Amino acid sequence: MGVISFTGVKVFSTTLARDRENMGENITKWLKENTNVDVVDKVVTQSSDKEFHCLTITLFYRFKT
């Protein structure tokens, strides 16, 4: 497996249910506002305890040349 090079990281994270429902829209908005980047990888992480559920989506990107 090769190494993926990137120049930046954008993290979207929330524990609130309504924010989790809107996360896709927030990511789409960020991508539309940042047309100078190419997403090269992503990581989706979910964690929880007795009360809270956290969803994190991490985008790795590099600037377009």
PDB file of N, CA and C in Angstrom:
ATOM      1  N   MET A   1       0.835  -1.173   0.000  1.00  0.00           N
ATOM      2  CA  MET A   1       0.000   0.000   0.000  1.00  0.00           C
ATOM      3  C   MET A   1       0.879   1.235   0.000  1.00  0.00           C
ATOM      4  N   GLY A   2       0.575   2.192  -0.867  1.00  0.00           N
ATOM      5  CA  GLY A   2       1.374   3.396  -0.971  1.00  0.00           C
ATOM      6  C   GLY A   2       0.994   4.446   0.048  1.00  0.00           C
ATOM      7  N   VAL A   3       1.850   5.427   0.177  1.00  0.00           N
ATOM      8  CA  VAL A   3       1.621   6.539   1.085  1.00  0.00           C
ATOM      9  C   VAL A   3       0.819   7.605   0.357  1.00  0.00           C
ATOM     10  N   ILE A   4      -0.230   8.092   0.994  1.00  0.00           N
ATOM     11  CA  ILE A   4      -1.045   9.161   0.418  1.00  0.00           C
ATOM     12  C   ILE A   4      -0.537  10.483   0.966  1.00  0.00           C
ATOM     13  N   SER A   5      -0.151  11.388   0.071  1.00  0.00           N
ATOM     14  CA  SER A   5       0.324  12.689   0.537  1.00  0.00           C
ATOM     15  C   SER A   5      -0.857  13.651   0.640  1.00  0.00           C
ATOM     16  N   PHE A   6      -0.811  14.480   1.674  1.00  0.00           N
ATOM     17  CA  PHE A   6      -1.856  15.476   1.861  1.00  0.00           C
ATOM     18  C   PHE A   6      -1.235  16.723   2.467  1.00  0.00           C
ATOM     19  N   THR A   7      -1.923  17.855   2.299  1.00  0.00           N
ATOM     20  CA  THR A   7      -1.427  19.120   2.816  1.00  0.00           C
ATOM     21  C   THR A   7      -2.329  19.702   3.893  1.00  0.00           C
ATOM     22  N   GLY A   8      -3.496  19.089   4.099  1.00  0.00           N
ATOM     23  CA  GLY A   8      -4.396  19.614   5.113  1.00  0.00           C
ATOM     24  C   GLY A   8      -5.373  18.567   5.603  1.00  0.00           C
ATOM     25  N   VAL A   9      -5.982  18.875   6.754  1.00  0.00           N
ATOM     26  CA  VAL A   9      -6.961  17.995   7.371  1.00  0.00           C
ATOM     27  C   VAL A   9      -8.133  18.863   7.826  1.00  0.00           C
ATOM     28  N   LYS A  10      -9.347  18.407   7.554  1.00  0.00           N
ATOM     29  CA  LYS A  10     -10.560  19.072   8.038  1.00  0.00           C
ATOM     30  C   LYS A  10     -11.345  18.053   8.839  1.00  0.00           C
ATOM     31  N   VAL A  11     -11.705  18.415  10.075  1.00  0.00           N
ATOM     32  CA  VAL A  11     -12.402  17.502  10.976  1.00  0.00           C
ATOM     33  C   VAL A  11     -13.804  18.036  11.248  1.00  0.00           C
ATOM     34  N   PHE A  12     -14.797  17.169  11.049  1.00  0.00           N
ATOM     35  CA  PHE A  12     -16.183  17.461  11.384  1.00  0.00           C
ATOM     36  C   PHE A  12     -16.553  16.501  12.506  1.00  0.00           C
ATOM     37  N   SER A  13     -17.028  17.032  13.635  1.00  0.00           N
ATOM     38  CA  SER A  13     -17.319  16.174  14.774  1.00  0.00           C
ATOM     39  C   SER A  13     -18.492  16.734  15.564  1.00  0.00           C
ATOM     40  N   THR A  14     -19.341  15.844  16.066  1.00  0.00           N
ATOM     41  CA  THR A  14     -20.472  16.274  16.876  1.00  0.00           C
ATOM     42  C   THR A  14     -20.975  15.147  17.761  1.00  0.00           C
ATOM     43  N   THR A  15     -21.590  15.548  18.862  1.00  0.00           N
ATOM     44  CA  THR A  15     -22.266  14.593  19.731  1.00  0.00           C
ATOM     45  C   THR A  15     -23.774  14.814  19.727  1.00  0.00           C
ATOM     46  N   LEU A  16     -24.237  15.911  19.137  1.00  0.00           N
ATOM     47  CA  LEU A  16     -25.663  16.226  19.134  1.00  0.00           C
ATOM     48  C   LEU A  16     -26.372  15.547  17.967  1.00  0.00           C
ATOM     49  N   ALA A  17     -27.521  14.945  18.232  1.00  0.00           N
ATOM     50  CA  ALA A  17     -28.255  14.201  17.197  1.00  0.00           C
ATOM     51  C   ALA A  17     -28.613  15.093  16.018  1.00  0.00           C
ATOM     52  N   ARG A  18     -29.106  16.292  16.278  1.00  0.00           N
ATOM     53  CA  ARG A  18     -29.500  17.167  15.158  1.00  0.00           C
ATOM     54  C   ARG A  18     -28.295  17.583  14.319  1.00  0.00           C
ATOM     55  N   ASP A  19     -27.136  17.747  14.959  1.00  0.00           N
ATOM     56  CA  ASP A  19     -25.928  18.088  14.214  1.00  0.00           C
ATOM     57  C   ASP A  19     -25.434  16.899  13.392  1.00  0.00           C
ATOM     58  N   ARG A  20     -25.593  15.688  13.928  1.00  0.00           N
ATOM     59  CA  ARG A  20     -25.223  14.493  13.147  1.00  0.00           C
ATOM     60  C   ARG A  20     -26.088  14.401  11.904  1.00  0.00           C
ATOM     61  N   GLU A  21     -27.368  14.748  12.030  1.00  0.00           N
ATOM     62  CA  GLU A  21     -28.277  14.712  10.880  1.00  0.00           C
ATOM     63  C   GLU A  21     -27.867  15.713   9.805  1.00  0.00           C
ATOM     64  N   ASN A  22     -27.266  16.823  10.206  1.00  0.00           N
ATOM     65  CA  ASN A  22     -26.873  17.873   9.263  1.00  0.00           C
ATOM     66  C   ASN A  22     -25.415  17.778   8.830  1.00  0.00           C
ATOM     67  N   MET A  23     -24.687  16.804   9.334  1.00  0.00           N
ATOM     68  CA  MET A  23     -23.258  16.741   9.047  1.00  0.00           C
ATOM     69  C   MET A  23     -22.961  16.624   7.549  1.00  0.00           C
ATOM     70  N   GLY A  24     -23.722  15.816   6.844  1.00  0.00           N
ATOM     71  CA  GLY A  24     -23.507  15.675   5.404  1.00  0.00           C
ATOM     72  C   GLY A  24     -23.660  16.990   4.669  1.00  0.00           C
ATOM     73  N   GLU A  25     -24.669  17.761   5.049  1.00  0.00           N
ATOM     74  CA  GLU A  25     -24.877  19.075   4.435  1.00  0.00           C
ATOM     75  C   GLU A  25     -23.727  20.015   4.774  1.00  0.00           C
ATOM     76  N   ASN A  26     -23.232  19.952   6.017  1.00  0.00           N
ATOM     77  CA  ASN A  26     -22.109  20.803   6.413  1.00  0.00           C
ATOM     78  C   ASN A  26     -20.842  20.445   5.637  1.00  0.00           C
ATOM     79  N   ILE A  27     -20.615  19.164   5.411  1.00  0.00           N
ATOM     80  CA  ILE A  27     -19.437  18.744   4.650  1.00  0.00           C
ATOM     81  C   ILE A  27     -19.572  19.189   3.195  1.00  0.00           C
ATOM     82  N   THR A  28     -20.752  18.999   2.618  1.00  0.00           N
ATOM     83  CA  THR A  28     -20.979  19.434   1.235  1.00  0.00           C
ATOM     84  C   THR A  28     -20.761  20.933   1.095  1.00  0.00           C
ATOM     85  N   LYS A  29     -21.261  21.705   2.051  1.00  0.00           N
ATOM     86  CA  LYS A  29     -21.079  23.162   2.024  1.00  0.00           C
ATOM     87  C   LYS A  29     -19.596  23.510   2.077  1.00  0.00           C
ATOM     88  N   TRP A  30     -18.840  22.853   2.970  1.00  0.00           N
ATOM     89  CA  TRP A  30     -17.414  23.131   3.078  1.00  0.00           C
ATOM     90  C   TRP A  30     -16.695  22.804   1.768  1.00  0.00           C
ATOM     91  N   LEU A  31     -17.049  21.672   1.155  1.00  0.00           N
ATOM     92  CA  LEU A  31     -16.416  21.294  -0.114  1.00  0.00           C
ATOM     93  C   LEU A  31     -16.721  22.307  -1.213  1.00  0.00           C
ATOM     94  N   LYS A  32     -17.958  22.807  -1.257  1.00  0.00           N
ATOM     95  CA  LYS A  32     -18.318  23.813  -2.260  1.00  0.00           C
ATOM     96  C   LYS A  32     -17.592  25.131  -2.026  1.00  0.00           C
ATOM     97  N   GLU A  33     -17.323  25.449  -0.766  1.00  0.00           N
ATOM     98  CA  GLU A  33     -16.616  26.685  -0.431  1.00  0.00           C
ATOM     99  C   GLU A  33     -15.105  26.545  -0.602  1.00  0.00           C
ATOM    100  N   ASN A  34     -14.607  25.337  -0.741  1.00  0.00           N
ATOM    101  CA  ASN A  34     -13.169  25.075  -0.843  1.00  0.00           C
ATOM    102  C   ASN A  34     -12.879  24.263  -2.102  1.00  0.00           C
ATOM    103  N   THR A  35     -13.201  24.840  -3.236  1.00  0.00           N
ATOM    104  CA  THR A  35     -13.027  24.133  -4.512  1.00  0.00           C
ATOM    105  C   THR A  35     -11.562  23.972  -4.900  1.00  0.00           C
ATOM    106  N   ASN A  36     -10.669  24.577  -4.126  1.00  0.00           N
ATOM    107  CA  ASN A  36      -9.240  24.474  -4.417  1.00  0.00           C
ATOM    108  C   ASN A  36      -8.581  23.260  -3.756  1.00  0.00           C
ATOM    109  N   VAL A  37      -9.393  22.338  -3.193  1.00  0.00           N
ATOM    110  CA  VAL A  37      -8.821  21.145  -2.565  1.00  0.00           C
ATOM    111  C   VAL A  37      -9.362  19.876  -3.213  1.00  0.00           C
ATOM    112  N   ASP A  38      -8.538  18.848  -3.200  1.00  0.00           N
ATOM    113  CA  ASP A  38      -8.929  17.497  -3.601  1.00  0.00           C
ATOM    114  C   ASP A  38      -8.848  16.614  -2.363  1.00  0.00           C
ATOM    115  N   VAL A  39      -9.952  15.990  -2.007  1.00  0.00           N
ATOM    116  CA  VAL A  39      -9.949  15.064  -0.882  1.00  0.00           C
ATOM    117  C   VAL A  39      -9.254  13.786  -1.330  1.00  0.00           C
ATOM    118  N   VAL A  40      -8.225  13.371  -0.586  1.00  0.00           N
ATOM    119  CA  VAL A  40      -7.441  12.192  -0.969  1.00  0.00           C
ATOM    120  C   VAL A  40      -7.708  10.995  -0.061  1.00  0.00           C
ATOM    121  N   ASP A  41      -8.323  11.236   1.101  1.00  0.00           N
ATOM    122  CA  ASP A  41      -8.657  10.134   1.998  1.00  0.00           C
ATOM    123  C   ASP A  41      -9.659  10.642   3.021  1.00  0.00           C
ATOM    124  N   LYS A  42     -10.317   9.713   3.701  1.00  0.00           N
ATOM    125  CA  LYS A  42     -11.283  10.069   4.741  1.00  0.00           C
ATOM    126  C   LYS A  42     -11.303   8.975   5.790  1.00  0.00           C
ATOM    127  N   VAL A  43     -11.648   9.366   7.012  1.00  0.00           N
ATOM    128  CA  VAL A  43     -11.784   8.424   8.114  1.00  0.00           C
ATOM    129  C   VAL A  43     -13.075   8.775   8.841  1.00  0.00           C
ATOM    130  N   VAL A  44     -13.921   7.774   9.059  1.00  0.00           N
ATOM    131  CA  VAL A  44     -15.151   7.949   9.821  1.00  0.00           C
ATOM    132  C   VAL A  44     -14.969   7.232  11.148  1.00  0.00           C
ATOM    133  N   THR A  45     -15.194   7.965  12.246  1.00  0.00           N
ATOM    134  CA  THR A  45     -15.003   7.410  13.578  1.00  0.00           C
ATOM    135  C   THR A  45     -16.275   7.617  14.385  1.00  0.00           C
ATOM    136  N   GLN A  46     -16.710   6.571  15.054  1.00  0.00           N
ATOM    137  CA  GLN A  46     -17.863   6.672  15.944  1.00  0.00           C
ATOM    138  C   GLN A  46     -17.439   6.189  17.312  1.00  0.00           C
ATOM    139  N   SER A  47     -17.817   6.941  18.321  1.00  0.00           N
ATOM    140  CA  SER A  47     -17.534   6.518  19.688  1.00  0.00           C
ATOM    141  C   SER A  47     -18.739   6.850  20.556  1.00  0.00           C
ATOM    142  N   SER A  48     -18.855   6.159  21.671  1.00  0.00           N
ATOM    143  CA  SER A  48     -19.981   6.436  22.562  1.00  0.00           C
ATOM    144  C   SER A  48     -19.666   5.973  23.969  1.00  0.00           C
ATOM    145  N   ASP A  49     -20.396   6.549  24.891  1.00  0.00           N
ATOM    146  CA  ASP A  49     -20.369   6.078  26.259  1.00  0.00           C
ATOM    147  C   ASP A  49     -21.823   5.894  26.695  1.00  0.00           C
ATOM    148  N   LYS A  50     -22.094   5.898  27.961  1.00  0.00           N
ATOM    149  CA  LYS A  50     -23.459   5.650  28.423  1.00  0.00           C
ATOM    150  C   LYS A  50     -24.446   6.736  27.993  1.00  0.00           C
ATOM    151  N   GLU A  51     -23.964   7.949  27.758  1.00  0.00           N
ATOM    152  CA  GLU A  51     -24.862   9.062  27.467  1.00  0.00           C
ATOM    153  C   GLU A  51     -24.672   9.690  26.098  1.00  0.00           C
ATOM    154  N   PHE A  52     -23.473   9.704  25.589  1.00  0.00           N
ATOM    155  CA  PHE A  52     -23.185  10.473  24.382  1.00  0.00           C
ATOM    156  C   PHE A  52     -22.693   9.575  23.258  1.00  0.00           C
ATOM    157  N   HIS A  53     -23.059   9.951  22.051  1.00  0.00           N
ATOM    158  CA  HIS A  53     -22.594   9.285  20.839  1.00  0.00           C
ATOM    159  C   HIS A  53     -21.901  10.345  19.991  1.00  0.00           C
ATOM    160  N   CYS A  54     -20.681  10.108  19.649  1.00  0.00           N
ATOM    161  CA  CYS A  54     -19.897  11.070  18.886  1.00  0.00           C
ATOM    162  C   CYS A  54     -19.597  10.508  17.504  1.00  0.00           C
ATOM    163  N   LEU A  55     -19.828  11.331  16.487  1.00  0.00           N
ATOM    164  CA  LEU A  55     -19.492  10.980  15.114  1.00  0.00           C
ATOM    165  C   LEU A  55     -18.468  11.982  14.615  1.00  0.00           C
ATOM    166  N   THR A  56     -17.376  11.468  14.075  1.00  0.00           N
ATOM    167  CA  THR A  56     -16.318  12.319  13.533  1.00  0.00           C
ATOM    168  C   THR A  56     -16.001  11.863  12.125  1.00  0.00           C
ATOM    169  N   ILE A  57     -15.961  12.818  11.214  1.00  0.00           N
ATOM    170  CA  ILE A  57     -15.526  12.551   9.842  1.00  0.00           C
ATOM    171  C   ILE A  57     -14.320  13.432   9.583  1.00  0.00           C
ATOM    172  N   THR A  58     -13.215  12.795   9.251  1.00  0.00           N
ATOM    173  CA  THR A  58     -11.962  13.498   9.011  1.00  0.00           C
ATOM    174  C   THR A  58     -11.622  13.395   7.523  1.00  0.00           C
ATOM    175  N   LEU A  59     -11.430  14.550   6.893  1.00  0.00           N
ATOM    176  CA  LEU A  59     -11.061  14.609   5.472  1.00  0.00           C
ATOM    177  C   LEU A  59      -9.602  15.020   5.356  1.00  0.00           C
ATOM    178  N   PHE A  60      -8.851  14.254   4.602  1.00  0.00           N
ATOM    179  CA  PHE A  60      -7.461  14.585   4.283  1.00  0.00           C
ATOM    180  C   PHE A  60      -7.462  15.109   2.855  1.00  0.00           C
ATOM    181  N   TYR A  61      -6.822  16.248   2.652  1.00  0.00           N
ATOM    182  CA  TYR A  61      -6.868  16.855   1.317  1.00  0.00           C
ATOM    183  C   TYR A  61      -5.515  17.430   0.937  1.00  0.00           C
ATOM    184  N   ARG A  62      -5.408  17.717  -0.338  1.00  0.00           N
ATOM    185  CA  ARG A  62      -4.267  18.480  -0.842  1.00  0.00           C
ATOM    186  C   ARG A  62      -4.800  19.565  -1.755  1.00  0.00           C
ATOM    187  N   PHE A  63      -4.058  20.635  -1.835  1.00  0.00           N
ATOM    188  CA  PHE A  63      -4.483  21.752  -2.682  1.00  0.00           C
ATOM    189  C   PHE A  63      -4.275  21.388  -4.144  1.00  0.00           C
ATOM    190  N   LYS A  64      -5.236  21.791  -4.970  1.00  0.00           N
ATOM    191  CA  LYS A  64      -5.123  21.559  -6.406  1.00  0.00           C
ATOM    192  C   LYS A  64      -3.997  22.412  -6.958  1.00  0.00           C
ATOM    193  N   THR A  65      -3.335  21.869  -7.953  1.00  0.00           N
ATOM    194  CA  THR A  65      -2.234  22.624  -8.567  1.00  0.00           C
ATOM    195  C   THR A  65      -2.663  23.225  -9.873  1.00  0.00           C
TER     196      THR A  65
END
